[in-house]
PDB file of N, CA and C in Angstrom:
ATOM      1  N   MET A   1      17.907 -20.889 -44.969  1.00  0.00           N
ATOM      2  CA  MET A   1      18.904 -19.781 -45.761  1.00  0.00           C
ATOM      3  C   MET A   1      18.752 -18.254 -45.103  1.00  0.00           C
ATOM      4  N   HIS A   2      20.212 -18.138 -46.029  1.00  0.00           N
ATOM      5  CA  HIS A   2      19.864 -16.438 -45.295  1.00  0.00           C
ATOM      6  C   HIS A   2      19.572 -15.747 -47.714  1.00  0.00           C
ATOM      7  N   PRO A   3      19.096 -14.914 -47.175  1.00  0.00           N
ATOM      8  CA  PRO A   3      19.013 -14.297 -48.780  1.00  0.00           C
ATOM      9  C   PRO A   3      20.013 -13.281 -49.038  1.00  0.00           C
ATOM     10  N   ALA A   4      20.446 -13.587 -50.294  1.00  0.00           N
ATOM     11  CA  ALA A   4      21.815 -13.313 -51.105  1.00  0.00           C
ATOM     12  C   ALA A   4      21.726 -11.901 -50.531  1.00  0.00           C
ATOM     13  N   ARG A   5      23.357 -11.197 -50.305  1.00  0.00           N
ATOM     14  CA  ARG A   5      23.117  -9.544 -49.826  1.00  0.00           C
ATOM     15  C   ARG A   5      24.253  -9.416 -50.691  1.00  0.00           C
ATOM     16  N   ARG A   6      23.575  -7.809 -51.265  1.00  0.00           N
ATOM     17  CA  ARG A   6      24.653  -7.314 -52.538  1.00  0.00           C
ATOM     18  C   ARG A   6      25.713  -7.046 -51.333  1.00  0.00           C
ATOM     19  N   PRO A   7      27.251  -6.661 -52.061  1.00  0.00           N
ATOM     20  CA  PRO A   7      28.441  -6.439 -51.254  1.00  0.00           C
ATOM     21  C   PRO A   7      28.010  -4.881 -50.472  1.00  0.00           C
ATOM     22  N   HIS A   8      27.130  -4.095 -51.633  1.00  0.00           N
ATOM     23  CA  HIS A   8      27.252  -2.516 -50.903  1.00  0.00           C
ATOM     24  C   HIS A   8      26.057  -2.247 -50.867  1.00  0.00           C
ATOM     25  N   ASP A   9      25.178  -2.862 -49.452  1.00  0.00           N
ATOM     26  CA  ASP A   9      24.151  -2.521 -49.427  1.00  0.00           C
ATOM     27  C   ASP A   9      23.614  -1.400 -48.526  1.00  0.00           C
ATOM     28  N   ASP A  10      24.705  -1.393 -47.219  1.00  0.00           N
ATOM     29  CA  ASP A  10      24.889  -0.486 -46.646  1.00  0.00           C
ATOM     30  C   ASP A  10      25.950  -0.353 -46.016  1.00  0.00           C
ATOM     31  N   PRO A  11      27.182   0.323 -46.746  1.00  0.00           N
ATOM     32  CA  PRO A  11      28.295   0.038 -46.373  1.00  0.00           C
ATOM     33  C   PRO A  11      28.571   1.376 -45.084  1.00  0.00           C
ATOM     34  N   ALA A  12      28.068   2.446 -44.974  1.00  0.00           N
ATOM     35  CA  ALA A  12      28.092   3.147 -43.411  1.00  0.00           C
ATOM     36  C   ALA A  12      27.703   2.426 -42.553  1.00  0.00           C
ATOM     37  N   GLY A  13      26.615   1.618 -42.191  1.00  0.00           N
ATOM     38  CA  GLY A  13      26.193   0.910 -41.917  1.00  0.00           C
ATOM     39  C   GLY A  13      27.269   0.313 -41.287  1.00  0.00           C
ATOM     40  N   ASP A  14      27.792  -1.017 -42.001  1.00  0.00           N
ATOM     41  CA  ASP A  14      28.714  -1.668 -42.046  1.00  0.00           C
ATOM     42  C   ASP A  14      30.248  -0.806 -40.692  1.00  0.00           C
ATOM     43  N   VAL A  15      30.874  -0.177 -41.206  1.00  0.00           N
ATOM     44  CA  VAL A  15      31.320   0.398 -40.492  1.00  0.00           C
ATOM     45  C   VAL A  15      31.056   0.923 -39.619  1.00  0.00           C
ATOM     46  N   VAL A  16      30.235   1.214 -38.961  1.00  0.00           N
ATOM     47  CA  VAL A  16      28.811   2.306 -37.357  1.00  0.00           C
ATOM     48  C   VAL A  16      29.287   0.554 -36.651  1.00  0.00           C
ATOM     49  N   ARG A  17      28.941  -0.171 -37.092  1.00  0.00           N
ATOM     50  CA  ARG A  17      28.461  -1.660 -36.874  1.00  0.00           C
ATOM     51  C   ARG A  17      29.713  -1.842 -36.113  1.00  0.00           C
ATOM     52  N   TRP A  18      30.904  -2.056 -36.953  1.00  0.00           N
ATOM     53  CA  TRP A  18      32.000  -2.069 -36.726  1.00  0.00           C
ATOM     54  C   TRP A  18      33.125  -1.075 -34.980  1.00  0.00           C
ATOM     55  N   ALA A  19      32.372  -0.216 -35.433  1.00  0.00           N
ATOM     56  CA  ALA A  19      33.122   0.901 -34.658  1.00  0.00           C
ATOM     57  C   ALA A  19      32.302   0.886 -33.310  1.00  0.00           C
ATOM     58  N   SER A  20      31.126   0.452 -33.505  1.00  0.00           N
ATOM     59  CA  SER A  20      30.525   0.061 -32.037  1.00  0.00           C
ATOM     60  C   SER A  20      30.950  -0.851 -31.451  1.00  0.00           C
ATOM     61  N   PHE A  21      31.092  -2.311 -32.325  1.00  0.00           N
ATOM     62  CA  PHE A  21      31.823  -3.641 -31.745  1.00  0.00           C
ATOM     63  C   PHE A  21      32.982  -2.909 -31.203  1.00  0.00           C
ATOM     64  N   SER A  22      34.150  -1.718 -31.587  1.00  0.00           N
ATOM     65  CA  SER A  22      35.317  -1.449 -30.903  1.00  0.00           C
ATOM     66  C   SER A  22      34.769  -1.096 -29.565  1.00  0.00           C
ATOM     67  N   CYS A  23      33.683  -0.222 -29.306  1.00  0.00           N
ATOM     68  CA  CYS A  23      33.391   0.621 -28.468  1.00  0.00           C
ATOM     69  C   CYS A  23      33.316  -0.070 -27.540  1.00  0.00           C
ATOM     70  N   LEU A  24      32.838  -1.324 -27.352  1.00  0.00           N
ATOM     71  CA  LEU A  24      32.480  -2.482 -26.150  1.00  0.00           C
ATOM     72  C   LEU A  24      33.552  -3.418 -26.286  1.00  0.00           C
ATOM     73  N   LEU A  25      34.781  -3.499 -27.047  1.00  0.00           N
ATOM     74  CA  LEU A  25      35.696  -4.445 -27.196  1.00  0.00           C
ATOM     75  C   LEU A  25      36.977  -3.711 -26.426  1.00  0.00           C
ATOM     76  N   VAL A  26      37.269  -2.539 -26.650  1.00  0.00           N
ATOM     77  CA  VAL A  26      38.326  -1.679 -26.082  1.00  0.00           C
ATOM     78  C   VAL A  26      38.112  -1.830 -24.453  1.00  0.00           C
ATOM     79  N   PRO A  27      37.580  -1.101 -23.970  1.00  0.00           N
ATOM     80  CA  PRO A  27      36.990  -0.973 -22.724  1.00  0.00           C
ATOM     81  C   PRO A  27      37.309  -2.510 -21.670  1.00  0.00           C
ATOM     82  N   VAL A  28      37.226  -3.411 -22.713  1.00  0.00           N
ATOM     83  CA  VAL A  28      37.092  -4.906 -21.770  1.00  0.00           C
ATOM     84  C   VAL A  28      38.192  -5.562 -22.034  1.00  0.00           C
ATOM     85  N   VAL A  29      38.936  -4.942 -23.094  1.00  0.00           N
ATOM     86  CA  VAL A  29      40.729  -5.054 -23.468  1.00  0.00           C
ATOM     87  C   VAL A  29      41.505  -4.754 -22.674  1.00  0.00           C
ATOM     88  N   LEU A  30      41.341  -3.611 -22.091  1.00  0.00           N
ATOM     89  CA  LEU A  30      41.722  -1.874 -21.417  1.00  0.00           C
ATOM     90  C   LEU A  30      41.958  -2.671 -20.183  1.00  0.00           C
ATOM     91  N   VAL A  31      41.125  -2.751 -19.513  1.00  0.00           N
ATOM     92  CA  VAL A  31      40.356  -3.363 -18.218  1.00  0.00           C
ATOM     93  C   VAL A  31      41.317  -4.805 -17.903  1.00  0.00           C
ATOM     94  N   VAL A  32      41.088  -5.732 -18.754  1.00  0.00           N
ATOM     95  CA  VAL A  32      42.052  -6.930 -19.291  1.00  0.00           C
ATOM     96  C   VAL A  32      43.756  -7.296 -18.229  1.00  0.00           C
ATOM     97  N   TYR A  33      44.161  -5.430 -19.174  1.00  0.00           N
ATOM     98  CA  TYR A  33      45.506  -5.595 -19.187  1.00  0.00           C
ATOM     99  C   TYR A  33      45.975  -4.536 -17.891  1.00  0.00           C
ATOM    100  N   GLY A  34      44.996  -4.290 -16.714  1.00  0.00           N
ATOM    101  CA  GLY A  34      45.717  -3.299 -16.271  1.00  0.00           C
ATOM    102  C   GLY A  34      45.013  -1.467 -16.053  1.00  0.00           C
ATOM    103  N   THR A  35      44.452  -1.672 -16.769  1.00  0.00           N
ATOM    104  CA  THR A  35      43.594   0.320 -16.976  1.00  0.00           C
ATOM    105  C   THR A  35      42.584  -0.001 -15.830  1.00  0.00           C
ATOM    106  N   SER A  36      42.442   1.297 -15.014  1.00  0.00           N
ATOM    107  CA  SER A  36      41.572   0.898 -14.055  1.00  0.00           C
ATOM    108  C   SER A  36      40.064   1.289 -15.128  1.00  0.00           C
ATOM    109  N   PHE A  37      39.270   1.172 -13.883  1.00  0.00           N
ATOM    110  CA  PHE A  37      37.526   1.279 -14.491  1.00  0.00           C
ATOM    111  C   PHE A  37      37.213   2.623 -14.930  1.00  0.00           C
ATOM    112  N   GLY A  38      37.520   3.389 -14.185  1.00  0.00           N
ATOM    113  CA  GLY A  38      37.612   5.450 -14.815  1.00  0.00           C
ATOM    114  C   GLY A  38      38.262   5.244 -16.128  1.00  0.00           C
ATOM    115  N   GLY A  39      39.816   4.722 -16.220  1.00  0.00           N
ATOM    116  CA  GLY A  39      40.368   5.369 -17.516  1.00  0.00           C
ATOM    117  C   GLY A  39      39.738   4.549 -18.752  1.00  0.00           C
ATOM    118  N   ALA A  40      38.843   3.468 -18.430  1.00  0.00           N
ATOM    119  CA  ALA A  40      38.694   2.704 -19.460  1.00  0.00           C
ATOM    120  C   ALA A  40      37.221   3.269 -20.117  1.00  0.00           C
ATOM    121  N   ALA A  41      36.291   3.885 -18.896  1.00  0.00           N
ATOM    122  CA  ALA A  41      34.933   4.366 -19.551  1.00  0.00           C
ATOM    123  C   ALA A  41      35.687   5.829 -19.983  1.00  0.00           C
ATOM    124  N   VAL A  42      36.698   6.353 -19.858  1.00  0.00           N
ATOM    125  CA  VAL A  42      37.047   7.676 -20.215  1.00  0.00           C
ATOM    126  C   VAL A  42      36.973   7.162 -21.682  1.00  0.00           C
ATOM    127  N   ALA A  43      38.145   6.153 -22.319  1.00  0.00           N
ATOM    128  CA  ALA A  43      38.185   5.508 -23.401  1.00  0.00           C
ATOM    129  C   ALA A  43      37.051   5.010 -24.141  1.00  0.00           C
ATOM    130  N   THR A  44      35.850   4.617 -23.404  1.00  0.00           N
ATOM    131  CA  THR A  44      34.868   4.268 -24.185  1.00  0.00           C
ATOM    132  C   THR A  44      34.152   5.959 -24.573  1.00  0.00           C
ATOM    133  N   LEU A  45      33.791   6.643 -23.662  1.00  0.00           N
ATOM    134  CA  LEU A  45      32.960   7.359 -24.065  1.00  0.00           C
ATOM    135  C   LEU A  45      33.485   9.017 -25.208  1.00  0.00           C
ATOM    136  N   GLY A  46      34.661   8.288 -25.006  1.00  0.00           N
ATOM    137  CA  GLY A  46      35.620   9.157 -26.277  1.00  0.00           C
ATOM    138  C   GLY A  46      35.652   8.271 -27.866  1.00  0.00           C
ATOM    139  N   LEU A  47      35.315   6.527 -27.703  1.00  0.00           N
ATOM    140  CA  LEU A  47      35.317   6.535 -29.077  1.00  0.00           C
ATOM    141  C   LEU A  47      33.964   6.559 -28.977  1.00  0.00           C
ATOM    142  N   VAL A  48      32.893   6.567 -28.082  1.00  0.00           N
ATOM    143  CA  VAL A  48      31.557   6.359 -28.417  1.00  0.00           C
ATOM    144  C   VAL A  48      31.316   7.842 -29.225  1.00  0.00           C
ATOM    145  N   ALA A  49      32.191   8.964 -28.742  1.00  0.00           N
ATOM    146  CA  ALA A  49      32.117  10.351 -29.154  1.00  0.00           C
ATOM    147  C   ALA A  49      32.396  10.876 -30.943  1.00  0.00           C
ATOM    148  N   VAL A  50      33.810   9.455 -30.906  1.00  0.00           N
ATOM    149  CA  VAL A  50      34.114   9.669 -32.259  1.00  0.00           C
ATOM    150  C   VAL A  50      33.461   8.720 -33.074  1.00  0.00           C
ATOM    151  N   THR A  51      32.939   8.021 -32.656  1.00  0.00           N
ATOM    152  CA  THR A  51      32.003   7.148 -33.628  1.00  0.00           C
ATOM    153  C   THR A  51      30.678   7.989 -33.975  1.00  0.00           C
ATOM    154  N   ALA A  52      30.090   8.562 -32.968  1.00  0.00           N
ATOM    155  CA  ALA A  52      28.358   9.221 -33.483  1.00  0.00           C
ATOM    156  C   ALA A  52      29.248  10.109 -34.846  1.00  0.00           C
ATOM    157  N   ALA A  53      29.996  10.926 -34.524  1.00  0.00           N
ATOM    158  CA  ALA A  53      30.778  11.741 -35.497  1.00  0.00           C
ATOM    159  C   ALA A  53      30.922  11.155 -36.822  1.00  0.00           C
ATOM    160  N   CYS A  54      31.604  10.220 -36.567  1.00  0.00           N
ATOM    161  CA  CYS A  54      31.728   9.697 -38.098  1.00  0.00           C
ATOM    162  C   CYS A  54      30.008   9.373 -38.394  1.00  0.00           C
ATOM    163  N   ARG A  55      29.528   8.596 -37.921  1.00  0.00           N
ATOM    164  CA  ARG A  55      28.104   7.646 -38.415  1.00  0.00           C
ATOM    165  C   ARG A  55      27.608   9.333 -38.771  1.00  0.00           C
ATOM    166  N   ALA A  56      27.649  10.586 -38.051  1.00  0.00           N
ATOM    167  CA  ALA A  56      26.914  11.925 -38.633  1.00  0.00           C
ATOM    168  C   ALA A  56      27.767  12.405 -40.696  1.00  0.00           C
ATOM    169  N   MET A  57      28.600  12.184 -40.276  1.00  0.00           N
ATOM    170  CA  MET A  57      29.558  12.529 -41.455  1.00  0.00           C
ATOM    171  C   MET A  57      28.512  11.967 -42.147  1.00  0.00           C
ATOM    172  N   LEU A  58      29.555  10.016 -42.280  1.00  0.00           N
ATOM    173  CA  LEU A  58      28.985   9.083 -43.132  1.00  0.00           C
ATOM    174  C   LEU A  58      27.069   9.187 -43.591  1.00  0.00           C
ATOM    175  N   ARG A  59      26.287   9.532 -42.738  1.00  0.00           N
ATOM    176  CA  ARG A  59      24.719   9.505 -43.248  1.00  0.00           C
ATOM    177  C   ARG A  59      24.833  11.260 -44.353  1.00  0.00           C
ATOM    178  N   TYR A  60      25.788  12.041 -43.970  1.00  0.00           N
ATOM    179  CA  TYR A  60      25.445  13.259 -44.308  1.00  0.00           C
ATOM    180  C   TYR A  60      26.014  13.036 -45.759  1.00  0.00           C
ATOM    181  N   SER A  61      27.008  12.781 -46.164  1.00  0.00           N
ATOM    182  CA  SER A  61      28.033  12.139 -47.447  1.00  0.00           C
ATOM    183  C   SER A  61      27.017  11.268 -48.316  1.00  0.00           C
ATOM    184  N   GLU A  62      26.375  10.301 -48.096  1.00  0.00           N
ATOM    185  CA  GLU A  62      25.559   9.620 -48.354  1.00  0.00           C
ATOM    186  C   GLU A  62      24.356  10.019 -48.996  1.00  0.00           C
ATOM    187  N   LYS A  63      23.802  10.983 -48.068  1.00  0.00           N
ATOM    188  CA  LYS A  63      22.321  12.132 -48.210  1.00  0.00           C
ATOM    189  C   LYS A  63      23.174  12.554 -49.619  1.00  0.00           C
ATOM    190  N   ALA A  64      23.775  13.589 -48.895  1.00  0.00           N
ATOM    191  CA  ALA A  64      24.651  14.392 -50.398  1.00  0.00           C
ATOM    192  C   ALA A  64      25.040  13.631 -51.963  1.00  0.00           C
ATOM    193  N   GLU A  65      25.525  12.456 -51.744  1.00  0.00           N
ATOM    194  CA  GLU A  65      25.534  12.105 -52.837  1.00  0.00           C
ATOM    195  C   GLU A  65      24.019  11.878 -53.256  1.00  0.00           C
ATOM    196  N   ARG A  66      23.315  11.369 -52.794  1.00  0.00           N
ATOM    197  CA  ARG A  66      22.180  10.989 -53.853  1.00  0.00           C
ATOM    198  C   ARG A  66      20.901  12.183 -54.394  1.00  0.00           C
ATOM    199  N   ALA A  67      21.386  13.433 -53.347  1.00  0.00           N
ATOM    200  CA  ALA A  67      20.741  14.541 -54.069  1.00  0.00           C
ATOM    201  C   ALA A  67      22.111  14.992 -55.334  1.00  0.00           C
ATOM    202  N   ALA A  68      22.700  14.245 -55.456  1.00  0.00           N
ATOM    203  CA  ALA A  68      23.847  14.711 -56.771  1.00  0.00           C
ATOM    204  C   ALA A  68      23.261  14.133 -57.856  1.00  0.00           C
ATOM    205  N   LEU A  69      23.173  12.459 -57.451  1.00  0.00           N
ATOM    206  CA  LEU A  69      22.636  11.499 -58.686  1.00  0.00           C
ATOM    207  C   LEU A  69      21.192  11.906 -58.818  1.00  0.00           C
ATOM    208  N   VAL A  70      20.386  12.484 -57.996  1.00  0.00           N
ATOM    209  CA  VAL A  70      19.284  12.628 -58.746  1.00  0.00           C
ATOM    210  C   VAL A  70      18.697  14.497 -59.591  1.00  0.00           C
ATOM    211  N   LEU A  71      20.217  15.164 -59.376  1.00  0.00           N
ATOM    212  CA  LEU A  71      20.217  16.031 -60.175  1.00  0.00           C
ATOM    213  C   LEU A  71      20.688  15.762 -61.268  1.00  0.00           C
ATOM    214  N   ALA A  72      21.636  14.964 -61.444  1.00  0.00           N
ATOM    215  CA  ALA A  72      22.415  14.435 -62.768  1.00  0.00           C
ATOM    216  C   ALA A  72      21.209  13.913 -63.406  1.00  0.00           C
ATOM    217  N   GLU A  73      20.746  13.262 -62.875  1.00  0.00           N
ATOM    218  CA  GLU A  73      19.660  12.426 -63.446  1.00  0.00           C
ATOM    219  C   GLU A  73      18.907  13.735 -64.376  1.00  0.00           C
ATOM    220  N   ASP A  74      18.509  14.436 -63.469  1.00  0.00           N
ATOM    221  CA  ASP A  74      17.701  15.671 -63.955  1.00  0.00           C
ATOM    222  C   ASP A  74      17.577  16.750 -64.986  1.00  0.00           C
ATOM    223  N   ARG A  75      19.420  15.983 -65.261  1.00  0.00           N
ATOM    224  CA  ARG A  75      19.761  17.017 -66.695  1.00  0.00           C
ATOM    225  C   ARG A  75      20.005  16.296 -67.589  1.00  0.00           C
ATOM    226  N   ILE A  76      20.014  14.892 -67.902  1.00  0.00           N
ATOM    227  CA  ILE A  76      20.396  14.050 -69.160  1.00  0.00           C
ATOM    228  C   ILE A  76      18.734  13.749 -69.866  1.00  0.00           C
ATOM    229  N   PRO A  77      18.895  14.159 -70.488  1.00  0.00           N
ATOM    230  CA  PRO A  77      17.289  14.148 -71.790  1.00  0.00           C
ATOM    231  C   PRO A  77      16.339  12.637 -71.721  1.00  0.00           C
ATOM    232  N   PRO A  78      15.326  12.943 -71.666  1.00  0.00           N
ATOM    233  CA  PRO A  78      14.916  11.321 -71.615  1.00  0.00           C
ATOM    234  C   PRO A  78      15.444  10.104 -72.235  1.00  0.00           C
ATOM    235  N   GLY A  79      15.600  10.906 -73.875  1.00  0.00           N
ATOM    236  CA  GLY A  79      15.993  10.243 -75.146  1.00  0.00           C
ATOM    237  C   GLY A  79      17.385   9.326 -74.575  1.00  0.00           C
ATOM    238  N   GLY A  80      17.801   9.506 -73.980  1.00  0.00           N
ATOM    239  CA  GLY A  80      19.026   9.204 -74.064  1.00  0.00           C
ATOM    240  C   GLY A  80      20.335  10.927 -73.676  1.00  0.00           C
ATOM    241  N   ARG A  81      22.021  10.475 -73.561  1.00  0.00           N
ATOM    242  CA  ARG A  81      22.731  11.005 -73.160  1.00  0.00           C
ATOM    243  C   ARG A  81      22.324  12.884 -74.684  1.00  0.00           C
ATOM    244  N   ARG A  82      22.561  12.648 -75.563  1.00  0.00           N
ATOM    245  CA  ARG A  82      22.916  13.814 -76.258  1.00  0.00           C
ATOM    246  C   ARG A  82      21.731  13.743 -76.993  1.00  0.00           C
ATOM    247  N   ARG A  83      21.580  14.595 -77.830  1.00  0.00           N
ATOM    248  CA  ARG A  83      20.989  14.405 -78.883  1.00  0.00           C
ATOM    249  C   ARG A  83      21.880  15.314 -80.353  1.00  0.00           C
ATOM    250  N   ARG A  84      21.589  14.307 -81.175  1.00  0.00           N
ATOM    251  CA  ARG A  84      22.702  14.484 -82.007  1.00  0.00           C
ATOM    252  C   ARG A  84      21.649  15.141 -83.352  1.00  0.00           C
ATOM    253  N   SER A  85      22.661  16.199 -83.862  1.00  0.00           N
ATOM    254  CA  SER A  85      22.324  16.927 -84.933  1.00  0.00           C
ATOM    255  C   SER A  85      22.250  15.888 -86.363  1.00  0.00           C
ATOM    256  N   ARG A  86      21.548  15.799 -86.928  1.00  0.00           N
ATOM    257  CA  ARG A  86      21.119  15.468 -88.640  1.00  0.00           C
ATOM    258  C   ARG A  86      21.618  16.411 -89.232  1.00  0.00           C
ATOM    259  N   ALA A  87      21.899  17.255 -89.335  1.00  0.00           N
ATOM    260  CA  ALA A  87      22.278  18.399 -90.201  1.00  0.00           C
ATOM    261  C   ALA A  87      23.961  18.415 -90.223  1.00  0.00           C
ATOM    262  N   GLY A  88      24.544  18.746 -91.606  1.00  0.00           N
ATOM    263  CA  GLY A  88      26.052  19.024 -91.032  1.00  0.00           C
ATOM    264  C   GLY A  88      26.394  17.635 -91.898  1.00  0.00           C
ATOM    265  N   GLY A  89      27.657  17.433 -92.449  1.00  0.00           N
ATOM    266  CA  GLY A  89      28.548  16.547 -93.223  1.00  0.00           C
ATOM    267  C   GLY A  89      29.531  16.279 -92.033  1.00  0.00           C
ATOM    268  N   GLY A  90      30.264  16.201 -91.031  1.00  0.00           N
ATOM    269  CA  GLY A  90      31.226  15.701 -90.577  1.00  0.00           C
ATOM    270  C   GLY A  90      31.289  14.650 -90.431  1.00  0.00           C
ATOM    271  N   SER A  91      32.318  13.835 -89.927  1.00  0.00           N
ATOM    272  CA  SER A  91      33.013  12.660 -89.905  1.00  0.00           C
ATOM    273  C   SER A  91      32.040  11.651 -88.951  1.00  0.00           C
ATOM    274  N   GLY A  92      31.537  12.663 -88.050  1.00  0.00           N
ATOM    275  CA  GLY A  92      30.550  11.635 -87.081  1.00  0.00           C
ATOM    276  C   GLY A  92      28.908  11.055 -88.018  1.00  0.00           C
ATOM    277  N   GLY A  93      28.914  11.103 -89.024  1.00  0.00           N
ATOM    278  CA  GLY A  93      27.429  10.301 -89.565  1.00  0.00           C
ATOM    279  C   GLY A  93      27.299   9.232 -89.425  1.00  0.00           C
ATOM    280  N   ARG A  94      26.691   8.765 -89.919  1.00  0.00           N
ATOM    281  CA  ARG A  94      26.304   7.302 -90.138  1.00  0.00           C
ATOM    282  C   ARG A  94      26.673   7.096 -91.500  1.00  0.00           C
ATOM    283  N   GLY A  95      27.610   7.449 -92.267  1.00  0.00           N
ATOM    284  CA  GLY A  95      27.400   6.763 -93.664  1.00  0.00           C
ATOM    285  C   GLY A  95      28.105   5.941 -93.967  1.00  0.00           C
ATOM    286  N   CYS A  96      28.387   5.322 -95.071  1.00  0.00           N
ATOM    287  CA  CYS A  96      29.266   3.959 -94.734  1.00  0.00           C
ATOM    288  C   CYS A  96      30.628   4.876 -95.166  1.00  0.00           C
ATOM    289  N   HIS A  97      31.939   4.198 -94.346  1.00  0.00           N
ATOM    290  CA  HIS A  97      32.687   4.595 -95.044  1.00  0.00           C
ATOM    291  C   HIS A  97      34.233   3.288 -94.914  1.00  0.00           C
ATOM    292  N   THR A  98      35.324   3.530 -95.747  1.00  0.00           N
ATOM    293  CA  THR A  98      36.025   2.407 -95.890  1.00  0.00           C
ATOM    294  C   THR A  98      37.122   2.626 -95.377  1.00  0.00           C
ATOM    295  N   SER A  99      38.167   1.073 -95.625  1.00  0.00           N
ATOM    296  CA  SER A  99      39.071   1.676 -94.368  1.00  0.00           C
ATOM    297  C   SER A  99      40.134   2.602 -95.014  1.00  0.00           C
ATOM    298  N   GLY A 100      40.560   2.325 -96.491  1.00  0.00           N
ATOM    299  CA  GLY A 100      40.911   3.485 -97.055  1.00  0.00           C
ATOM    300  C   GLY A 100      40.771   5.066 -97.258  1.00  0.00           C
ATOM    301  N   GLY A 101      39.570   4.722 -97.188  1.00  0.00           N
ATOM    302  CA  GLY A 101      38.997   6.323 -96.589  1.00  0.00           C
ATOM    303  C   GLY A 101      38.826   7.080 -98.377  1.00  0.00           C
ATOM    304  N   PHE A 102      38.586   5.852 -99.319  1.00  0.00           N
ATOM    305  CA  PHE A 102      38.371   6.758-100.637  1.00  0.00           C
ATOM    306  C   PHE A 102      36.582   6.132-101.005  1.00  0.00           C
ATOM    307  N   SER A 103      35.943   6.200-101.748  1.00  0.00           N
ATOM    308  CA  SER A 103      34.403   6.294-101.790  1.00  0.00           C
ATOM    309  C   SER A 103      34.634   5.545-103.338  1.00  0.00           C
ATOM    310  N   PRO A 104      34.035   4.295-103.223  1.00  0.00           N
ATOM    311  CA  PRO A 104      33.579   3.945-104.815  1.00  0.00           C
ATOM    312  C   PRO A 104      33.428   4.483-105.993  1.00  0.00           C
ATOM    313  N   GLU A 105      32.791   5.988-105.703  1.00  0.00           N
ATOM    314  CA  GLU A 105      33.330   6.809-107.066  1.00  0.00           C
ATOM    315  C   GLU A 105      34.862   6.814-107.414  1.00  0.00           C
ATOM    316  N   ASP A 106      35.755   6.995-106.660  1.00  0.00           N
ATOM    317  CA  ASP A 106      36.631   7.653-107.197  1.00  0.00           C
ATOM    318  C   ASP A 106      37.472   6.765-107.858  1.00  0.00           C
TER     319      ASP A 106
END
């Protein structure tokens, strides 16, 4: 049995694997359909260059996203998202409210 895999373990890795597969498949298809070996080699080099550039950009964006998450976590106070002030009487307090808006004293 294979261990259960989470759906978003490495999305950039999945993209790079499929691109690598196409880098191998496209030249074979080109040669089968009559393109010269030189033309297939040029197409392969172009696909490899584009795949490498995309991989670099994906890894860079993942690194930037992780850095942004770390910064966002540092900004959240350890006790929760926001500190509430107990002073002041607005409607945001924890007092009992009835649906009609009248208190029992009225």
